[in-house]
Amino acid sequence: MELPRKHKYANRVKILKYVKAGEKWRFANVVAKSGKLVRDHVLISGMDELRSLV
């Protein structure tokens, strides 16, 4: 008899930040370098941009 397999989960998570881009608010991916999060940096249209906390 074979035991049921345990659930496998992803090794990482996607971290989003709510920022104002132009006149609209949107969620943007947080930048990670060398496995660490870069504070106040997000990806907007594939470009690394500095966005401070609001």
Protein backbone atom coordinates (compact mmCIF):
# COMPACT_ATOMS: atom_id res chain seq x y z
CA MET A 1 0.00 0.00 0.00
CA GLU A 2 1.37 3.41 -1.00
CA LEU A 3 1.01 6.43 1.28
CA PRO A 4 -0.37 9.67 -0.17
CA ARG A 5 2.26 12.26 -1.08
CA LYS A 6 2.67 15.40 0.97
CA HIS A 7 2.00 18.74 -0.68
CA LYS A 8 5.04 20.47 -2.13
CA TYR A 9 5.16 24.23 -1.96
CA ALA A 10 7.19 26.79 -3.90
CA ASN A 11 10.61 27.76 -2.61
CA ARG A 12 9.88 31.46 -3.08
CA VAL A 13 7.11 34.01 -2.91
CA LYS A 14 6.21 37.02 -5.03
CA ILE A 15 6.39 40.28 -3.09
CA LEU A 16 4.40 43.22 -4.41
CA LYS A 17 4.32 46.86 -3.38
CA TYR A 18 1.42 49.27 -4.00
CA VAL A 19 2.91 52.38 -5.67
CA LYS A 20 1.71 55.39 -7.63
CA ALA A 21 2.95 55.21 -11.24
CA GLY A 22 2.00 58.38 -13.09
CA GLU A 23 -1.56 59.23 -12.06
CA LYS A 24 -2.58 55.64 -11.20
CA TRP A 25 -1.94 53.37 -8.24
CA ARG A 26 -0.78 49.84 -9.07
CA PHE A 27 1.00 46.81 -7.68
CA ALA A 28 4.66 46.46 -8.68
CA ASN A 29 7.22 43.69 -8.10
CA VAL A 30 9.84 44.41 -5.45
CA VAL A 31 13.47 44.21 -6.68
CA ALA A 32 15.74 41.52 -5.25
CA LYS A 33 19.53 41.49 -5.73
CA SER A 34 21.84 38.78 -4.40
CA GLY A 35 18.85 37.08 -2.78
CA LYS A 36 17.93 40.12 -0.68
CA LEU A 37 15.18 42.70 -1.12
CA VAL A 38 16.27 46.18 -2.20
CA ARG A 39 14.40 48.70 -0.10
CA ASP A 40 12.17 51.14 -2.01
CA HIS A 41 12.98 49.67 -5.45
CA VAL A 42 10.27 48.20 -7.68
CA LEU A 43 10.01 46.98 -11.27
CA ILE A 44 7.78 49.11 -13.48
CA SER A 45 7.65 48.13 -17.16
CA GLY A 46 10.76 46.01 -16.58
CA MET A 47 12.80 48.96 -15.28
CA ASP A 48 14.18 49.27 -11.74
CA GLU A 49 12.70 52.44 -10.19
CA LEU A 50 13.05 54.04 -6.78
CA ARG A 51 9.67 54.46 -5.04
CA SER A 52 9.50 55.72 -1.47
CA LEU A 53 6.87 54.69 1.03
CA VAL A 54 3.67 56.72 1.02
